[in-house]
PDB file of N, CA and C in Angstrom:
ATOM      1  N   LEU A   1      22.025 -25.321 -65.664  1.00  0.00           N
ATOM      2  CA  LEU A   1      23.159 -25.820 -64.395  1.00  0.00           C
ATOM      3  C   LEU A   1      24.221 -27.256 -64.697  1.00  0.00           C
ATOM      4  N   ILE A   2      23.784 -28.211 -65.326  1.00  0.00           N
ATOM      5  CA  ILE A   2      24.376 -29.818 -65.147  1.00  0.00           C
ATOM      6  C   ILE A   2      25.907 -29.213 -66.694  1.00  0.00           C
ATOM      7  N   ILE A   3      25.128 -28.601 -67.457  1.00  0.00           N
ATOM      8  CA  ILE A   3      26.109 -27.826 -68.846  1.00  0.00           C
ATOM      9  C   ILE A   3      27.053 -27.483 -68.047  1.00  0.00           C
ATOM     10  N   GLY A   4      26.532 -25.900 -67.476  1.00  0.00           N
ATOM     11  CA  GLY A   4      28.260 -25.886 -66.963  1.00  0.00           C
ATOM     12  C   GLY A   4      29.278 -25.910 -66.436  1.00  0.00           C
ATOM     13  N   LEU A   5      28.541 -26.991 -64.973  1.00  0.00           N
ATOM     14  CA  LEU A   5      29.609 -27.551 -64.708  1.00  0.00           C
ATOM     15  C   LEU A   5      30.465 -28.794 -65.010  1.00  0.00           C
ATOM     16  N   ASN A   6      30.039 -29.047 -66.125  1.00  0.00           N
ATOM     17  CA  ASN A   6      30.449 -30.389 -67.096  1.00  0.00           C
ATOM     18  C   ASN A   6      31.869 -29.861 -68.211  1.00  0.00           C
ATOM     19  N   SER A   7      31.301 -28.468 -68.593  1.00  0.00           N
ATOM     20  CA  SER A   7      31.794 -27.908 -69.081  1.00  0.00           C
ATOM     21  C   SER A   7      33.296 -26.700 -68.429  1.00  0.00           C
ATOM     22  N   VAL A   8      33.022 -26.845 -66.987  1.00  0.00           N
ATOM     23  CA  VAL A   8      34.209 -26.717 -66.068  1.00  0.00           C
ATOM     24  C   VAL A   8      35.249 -27.800 -65.810  1.00  0.00           C
ATOM     25  N   ALA A   9      34.116 -28.605 -65.410  1.00  0.00           N
ATOM     26  CA  ALA A   9      35.113 -30.230 -65.133  1.00  0.00           C
ATOM     27  C   ALA A   9      35.864 -30.633 -66.465  1.00  0.00           C
ATOM     28  N   LEU A  10      35.540 -30.163 -67.270  1.00  0.00           N
ATOM     29  CA  LEU A  10      36.171 -30.852 -68.579  1.00  0.00           C
ATOM     30  C   LEU A  10      37.488 -30.235 -68.692  1.00  0.00           C
ATOM     31  N   THR A  11      36.701 -28.884 -68.851  1.00  0.00           N
ATOM     32  CA  THR A  11      38.505 -27.310 -69.254  1.00  0.00           C
ATOM     33  C   THR A  11      39.168 -27.831 -67.840  1.00  0.00           C
ATOM     34  N   TRP A  12      39.138 -27.526 -66.800  1.00  0.00           N
ATOM     35  CA  TRP A  12      40.283 -28.232 -65.596  1.00  0.00           C
ATOM     36  C   TRP A  12      40.774 -29.743 -65.750  1.00  0.00           C
ATOM     37  N   THR A  13      39.857 -30.421 -66.231  1.00  0.00           N
ATOM     38  CA  THR A  13      40.712 -31.666 -66.231  1.00  0.00           C
ATOM     39  C   THR A  13      42.026 -31.626 -67.425  1.00  0.00           C
ATOM     40  N   ILE A  14      41.343 -31.336 -68.953  1.00  0.00           N
ATOM     41  CA  ILE A  14      42.257 -30.952 -69.937  1.00  0.00           C
ATOM     42  C   ILE A  14      43.217 -30.256 -69.374  1.00  0.00           C
ATOM     43  N   ARG A  15      43.375 -29.049 -68.900  1.00  0.00           N
ATOM     44  CA  ARG A  15      44.334 -28.592 -68.227  1.00  0.00           C
ATOM     45  C   ARG A  15      45.424 -29.309 -67.532  1.00  0.00           C
ATOM     46  N   ILE A  16      45.014 -30.192 -66.914  1.00  0.00           N
ATOM     47  CA  ILE A  16      45.285 -31.127 -65.783  1.00  0.00           C
ATOM     48  C   ILE A  16      46.127 -32.553 -66.615  1.00  0.00           C
ATOM     49  N   LEU A  17      45.583 -32.533 -67.430  1.00  0.00           N
ATOM     50  CA  LEU A  17      46.124 -33.916 -68.510  1.00  0.00           C
ATOM     51  C   LEU A  17      47.669 -32.587 -69.848  1.00  0.00           C
ATOM     52  N   ALA A  18      46.831 -32.096 -69.571  1.00  0.00           N
ATOM     53  CA  ALA A  18      47.707 -31.115 -70.605  1.00  0.00           C
ATOM     54  C   ALA A  18      49.086 -30.740 -69.725  1.00  0.00           C
ATOM     55  N   GLY A  19      49.748 -30.548 -68.183  1.00  0.00           N
ATOM     56  CA  GLY A  19      50.098 -30.225 -67.972  1.00  0.00           C
ATOM     57  C   GLY A  19      50.055 -28.857 -67.120  1.00  0.00           C
ATOM     58  N   GLN A  20      49.410 -28.420 -67.238  1.00  0.00           N
ATOM     59  CA  GLN A  20      49.264 -26.438 -67.315  1.00  0.00           C
ATOM     60  C   GLN A  20      48.871 -26.281 -65.438  1.00  0.00           C
ATOM     61  N   LEU A  21      48.208 -27.761 -64.960  1.00  0.00           N
ATOM     62  CA  LEU A  21      47.722 -27.351 -63.851  1.00  0.00           C
ATOM     63  C   LEU A  21      47.883 -28.622 -63.106  1.00  0.00           C
ATOM     64  N   GLN A  22      47.722 -28.123 -61.451  1.00  0.00           N
ATOM     65  CA  GLN A  22      48.188 -29.935 -60.525  1.00  0.00           C
ATOM     66  C   GLN A  22      46.158 -30.132 -60.156  1.00  0.00           C
ATOM     67  N   ILE A  23      46.392 -31.292 -60.466  1.00  0.00           N
ATOM     68  CA  ILE A  23      45.539 -32.348 -59.281  1.00  0.00           C
ATOM     69  C   ILE A  23      45.613 -31.008 -57.627  1.00  0.00           C
ATOM     70  N   SER A  24      44.562 -30.704 -57.230  1.00  0.00           N
ATOM     71  CA  SER A  24      44.147 -30.045 -56.216  1.00  0.00           C
ATOM     72  C   SER A  24      42.964 -30.610 -55.755  1.00  0.00           C
ATOM     73  N   ASN A  25      42.445 -30.532 -53.649  1.00  0.00           N
ATOM     74  CA  ASN A  25      41.333 -30.790 -53.403  1.00  0.00           C
ATOM     75  C   ASN A  25      40.330 -29.856 -54.169  1.00  0.00           C
ATOM     76  N   SER A  26      40.846 -28.898 -54.567  1.00  0.00           N
ATOM     77  CA  SER A  26      39.214 -28.539 -55.073  1.00  0.00           C
ATOM     78  C   SER A  26      39.381 -28.874 -56.165  1.00  0.00           C
ATOM     79  N   TYR A  27      39.740 -29.574 -57.346  1.00  0.00           N
ATOM     80  CA  TYR A  27      39.778 -30.216 -58.075  1.00  0.00           C
ATOM     81  C   TYR A  27      38.799 -31.604 -57.436  1.00  0.00           C
ATOM     82  N   ILE A  28      39.196 -32.642 -56.970  1.00  0.00           N
ATOM     83  CA  ILE A  28      38.595 -33.377 -56.776  1.00  0.00           C
ATOM     84  C   ILE A  28      37.502 -33.043 -55.939  1.00  0.00           C
ATOM     85  N   ALA A  29      37.014 -32.110 -55.070  1.00  0.00           N
ATOM     86  CA  ALA A  29      35.595 -31.965 -54.861  1.00  0.00           C
ATOM     87  C   ALA A  29      35.088 -31.465 -55.524  1.00  0.00           C
ATOM     88  N   TYR A  30      35.430 -30.307 -56.736  1.00  0.00           N
ATOM     89  CA  TYR A  30      34.940 -30.389 -57.665  1.00  0.00           C
ATOM     90  C   TYR A  30      34.233 -31.146 -58.070  1.00  0.00           C
ATOM     91  N   LEU A  31      35.031 -32.331 -59.075  1.00  0.00           N
ATOM     92  CA  LEU A  31      34.549 -33.424 -59.708  1.00  0.00           C
ATOM     93  C   LEU A  31      33.669 -34.699 -58.702  1.00  0.00           C
ATOM     94  N   ILE A  32      33.799 -34.240 -57.532  1.00  0.00           N
ATOM     95  CA  ILE A  32      32.788 -35.087 -56.670  1.00  0.00           C
ATOM     96  C   ILE A  32      31.075 -34.299 -56.853  1.00  0.00           C
ATOM     97  N   VAL A  33      31.667 -33.165 -57.059  1.00  0.00           N
ATOM     98  CA  VAL A  33      30.329 -32.782 -56.423  1.00  0.00           C
ATOM     99  C   VAL A  33      29.320 -32.249 -58.467  1.00  0.00           C
ATOM    100  N   ALA A  34      30.465 -32.489 -58.509  1.00  0.00           N
ATOM    101  CA  ALA A  34      29.432 -32.738 -60.780  1.00  0.00           C
ATOM    102  C   ALA A  34      29.078 -33.987 -61.011  1.00  0.00           C
ATOM    103  N   ILE A  35      29.940 -35.343 -60.127  1.00  0.00           N
ATOM    104  CA  ILE A  35      29.263 -36.426 -60.226  1.00  0.00           C
ATOM    105  C   ILE A  35      28.170 -36.619 -59.248  1.00  0.00           C
ATOM    106  N   VAL A  36      27.744 -36.119 -58.569  1.00  0.00           N
ATOM    107  CA  VAL A  36      27.150 -36.361 -58.011  1.00  0.00           C
ATOM    108  C   VAL A  36      25.438 -35.487 -58.184  1.00  0.00           C
ATOM    109  N   CYS A  37      25.913 -34.240 -58.998  1.00  0.00           N
ATOM    110  CA  CYS A  37      25.194 -33.459 -60.153  1.00  0.00           C
ATOM    111  C   CYS A  37      24.375 -34.813 -60.914  1.00  0.00           C
ATOM    112  N   ASN A  38      25.225 -34.998 -61.806  1.00  0.00           N
ATOM    113  CA  ASN A  38      25.281 -35.975 -63.241  1.00  0.00           C
ATOM    114  C   ASN A  38      24.542 -37.295 -62.456  1.00  0.00           C
ATOM    115  N   VAL A  39      24.869 -37.959 -61.303  1.00  0.00           N
ATOM    116  CA  VAL A  39      23.682 -38.846 -61.272  1.00  0.00           C
ATOM    117  C   VAL A  39      22.366 -38.647 -60.727  1.00  0.00           C
ATOM    118  N   ALA A  40      22.421 -36.762 -60.056  1.00  0.00           N
ATOM    119  CA  ALA A  40      20.984 -37.186 -59.389  1.00  0.00           C
ATOM    120  C   ALA A  40      20.260 -36.495 -60.583  1.00  0.00           C
ATOM    121  N   GLU A  41      20.723 -35.603 -61.278  1.00  0.00           N
ATOM    122  CA  GLU A  41      19.961 -35.963 -62.986  1.00  0.00           C
ATOM    123  C   GLU A  41      19.995 -36.862 -63.644  1.00  0.00           C
ATOM    124  N   LEU A  42      20.204 -37.993 -63.885  1.00  0.00           N
ATOM    125  CA  LEU A  42      20.196 -39.151 -64.685  1.00  0.00           C
ATOM    126  C   LEU A  42      18.575 -40.020 -63.767  1.00  0.00           C
ATOM    127  N   VAL A  43      18.909 -40.013 -61.702  1.00  0.00           N
ATOM    128  CA  VAL A  43      18.101 -40.654 -61.516  1.00  0.00           C
ATOM    129  C   VAL A  43      16.448 -40.145 -61.919  1.00  0.00           C
ATOM    130  N   SER A  44      16.860 -38.717 -62.000  1.00  0.00           N
ATOM    131  CA  SER A  44      15.404 -38.023 -61.652  1.00  0.00           C
ATOM    132  C   SER A  44      14.317 -38.248 -63.030  1.00  0.00           C
ATOM    133  N   ASN A  45      16.088 -38.308 -64.532  1.00  0.00           N
ATOM    134  CA  ASN A  45      14.805 -38.463 -65.246  1.00  0.00           C
ATOM    135  C   ASN A  45      14.576 -40.189 -66.205  1.00  0.00           C
ATOM    136  N   ILE A  46      15.568 -41.011 -65.645  1.00  0.00           N
ATOM    137  CA  ILE A  46      14.695 -42.615 -65.617  1.00  0.00           C
ATOM    138  C   ILE A  46      13.146 -42.139 -64.623  1.00  0.00           C
ATOM    139  N   TYR A  47      13.172 -41.756 -63.743  1.00  0.00           N
ATOM    140  CA  TYR A  47      12.479 -41.382 -62.739  1.00  0.00           C
ATOM    141  C   TYR A  47      11.138 -40.998 -63.427  1.00  0.00           C
ATOM    142  N   ALA A  48      11.094 -39.490 -64.178  1.00  0.00           N
ATOM    143  CA  ALA A  48       9.709 -38.896 -64.910  1.00  0.00           C
ATOM    144  C   ALA A  48       9.966 -39.788 -65.975  1.00  0.00           C
ATOM    145  N   ALA A  49      10.168 -40.443 -66.644  1.00  0.00           N
ATOM    146  CA  ALA A  49      10.422 -41.491 -67.696  1.00  0.00           C
ATOM    147  C   ALA A  49       9.428 -42.351 -67.123  1.00  0.00           C
ATOM    148  N   ILE A  50       9.769 -43.016 -66.054  1.00  0.00           N
ATOM    149  CA  ILE A  50       9.157 -44.305 -65.998  1.00  0.00           C
ATOM    150  C   ILE A  50       7.630 -43.629 -65.654  1.00  0.00           C
ATOM    151  N   VAL A  51       7.074 -42.587 -64.797  1.00  0.00           N
ATOM    152  CA  VAL A  51       5.521 -41.843 -64.533  1.00  0.00           C
ATOM    153  C   VAL A  51       5.205 -41.753 -65.578  1.00  0.00           C
ATOM    154  N   THR A  52       6.329 -40.830 -66.766  1.00  0.00           N
ATOM    155  CA  THR A  52       5.138 -40.194 -67.772  1.00  0.00           C
ATOM    156  C   THR A  52       4.733 -41.616 -68.788  1.00  0.00           C
ATOM    157  N   ARG A  53       5.514 -43.185 -68.515  1.00  0.00           N
ATOM    158  CA  ARG A  53       5.157 -44.388 -69.743  1.00  0.00           C
ATOM    159  C   ARG A  53       3.871 -44.926 -68.793  1.00  0.00           C
ATOM    160  N   LYS A  54       3.680 -44.830 -67.430  1.00  0.00           N
ATOM    161  CA  LYS A  54       2.086 -44.690 -67.024  1.00  0.00           C
ATOM    162  C   LYS A  54       1.154 -43.488 -67.256  1.00  0.00           C
ATOM    163  N   GLY A  55       1.456 -42.710 -67.347  1.00  0.00           N
ATOM    164  CA  GLY A  55       0.680 -42.229 -68.091  1.00  0.00           C
ATOM    165  C   GLY A  55       0.158 -41.236 -66.838  1.00  0.00           C
ATOM    166  N   GLN A  56       1.389 -41.061 -65.664  1.00  0.00           N
ATOM    167  CA  GLN A  56       0.839 -39.540 -64.825  1.00  0.00           C
ATOM    168  C   GLN A  56       1.795 -38.711 -65.368  1.00  0.00           C
ATOM    169  N   ASP A  57       1.503 -37.295 -64.653  1.00  0.00           N
ATOM    170  CA  ASP A  57       1.880 -36.081 -65.044  1.00  0.00           C
ATOM    171  C   ASP A  57       2.884 -35.727 -63.792  1.00  0.00           C
ATOM    172  N   VAL A  58       4.181 -35.404 -64.575  1.00  0.00           N
ATOM    173  CA  VAL A  58       5.143 -35.478 -63.945  1.00  0.00           C
ATOM    174  C   VAL A  58       5.878 -33.854 -64.008  1.00  0.00           C
ATOM    175  N   ARG A  59       6.193 -32.983 -63.176  1.00  0.00           N
ATOM    176  CA  ARG A  59       6.535 -31.917 -63.161  1.00  0.00           C
ATOM    177  C   ARG A  59       7.302 -31.688 -62.083  1.00  0.00           C
ATOM    178  N   PHE A  60       9.004 -30.888 -62.564  1.00  0.00           N
ATOM    179  CA  PHE A  60       9.955 -30.718 -61.945  1.00  0.00           C
ATOM    180  C   PHE A  60      10.001 -29.374 -60.753  1.00  0.00           C
ATOM    181  N   TRP A  61      10.619 -29.609 -59.412  1.00  0.00           N
ATOM    182  CA  TRP A  61      10.313 -28.311 -58.811  1.00  0.00           C
ATOM    183  C   TRP A  61      10.728 -26.828 -59.338  1.00  0.00           C
ATOM    184  N   PHE A  62      11.780 -26.531 -60.289  1.00  0.00           N
ATOM    185  CA  PHE A  62      11.580 -25.293 -61.167  1.00  0.00           C
ATOM    186  C   PHE A  62      10.852 -25.141 -61.620  1.00  0.00           C
ATOM    187  N   PHE A  63      11.325 -25.884 -62.702  1.00  0.00           N
ATOM    188  CA  PHE A  63      10.904 -26.223 -64.609  1.00  0.00           C
ATOM    189  C   PHE A  63       9.377 -26.441 -64.239  1.00  0.00           C
ATOM    190  N   GLY A  64       8.547 -27.666 -63.631  1.00  0.00           N
ATOM    191  CA  GLY A  64       7.364 -27.545 -63.512  1.00  0.00           C
ATOM    192  C   GLY A  64       6.441 -26.437 -63.414  1.00  0.00           C
ATOM    193  N   ALA A  65       6.618 -25.468 -62.662  1.00  0.00           N
ATOM    194  CA  ALA A  65       5.705 -23.917 -62.262  1.00  0.00           C
ATOM    195  C   ALA A  65       6.574 -23.346 -63.341  1.00  0.00           C
ATOM    196  N   LEU A  66       7.240 -23.374 -63.585  1.00  0.00           N
ATOM    197  CA  LEU A  66       7.848 -21.999 -65.039  1.00  0.00           C
ATOM    198  C   LEU A  66       6.918 -23.009 -66.612  1.00  0.00           C
ATOM    199  N   THR A  67       6.674 -24.732 -66.483  1.00  0.00           N
ATOM    200  CA  THR A  67       5.958 -24.898 -67.356  1.00  0.00           C
ATOM    201  C   THR A  67       4.199 -24.274 -67.432  1.00  0.00           C
ATOM    202  N   GLN A  68       3.938 -24.287 -66.323  1.00  0.00           N
ATOM    203  CA  GLN A  68       3.134 -24.023 -66.059  1.00  0.00           C
ATOM    204  C   GLN A  68       2.500 -22.505 -66.600  1.00  0.00           C
ATOM    205  N   LEU A  69       3.450 -21.753 -66.498  1.00  0.00           N
ATOM    206  CA  LEU A  69       3.393 -20.175 -66.768  1.00  0.00           C
ATOM    207  C   LEU A  69       2.767 -19.867 -68.330  1.00  0.00           C
ATOM    208  N   THR A  70       4.287 -20.939 -68.872  1.00  0.00           N
ATOM    209  CA  THR A  70       4.551 -20.339 -69.945  1.00  0.00           C
ATOM    210  C   THR A  70       3.034 -21.588 -71.499  1.00  0.00           C
ATOM    211  N   CYS A  71       3.004 -22.253 -70.752  1.00  0.00           N
ATOM    212  CA  CYS A  71       2.176 -23.197 -71.731  1.00  0.00           C
ATOM    213  C   CYS A  71       0.917 -23.505 -70.544  1.00  0.00           C
ATOM    214  N   LYS A  72       0.254 -22.505 -70.396  1.00  0.00           N
ATOM    215  CA  LYS A  72      -1.418 -22.437 -69.976  1.00  0.00           C
ATOM    216  C   LYS A  72      -2.019 -24.058 -70.897  1.00  0.00           C
ATOM    217  N   PRO A  73      -2.999 -24.643 -69.989  1.00  0.00           N
ATOM    218  CA  PRO A  73      -4.214 -25.805 -70.341  1.00  0.00           C
ATOM    219  C   PRO A  73      -5.621 -25.360 -70.988  1.00  0.00           C
TER     220      PRO A  73
END
């Protein structure tokens, strides 16, 4: 999700800087969403690192269940 989000934001930004497009409300809204998603991922990764360092198991909402299905203890 984040890779696709950042790829679109980067491409859109490059096209604006190259003069092919103009800054619009859609662009600004998209950048805000991309920044919020990136910050949320950063915070969740820092939290997971701290909890893991304490020796506790961390399970994320989607990936935790998927991991349990593929990697049985």
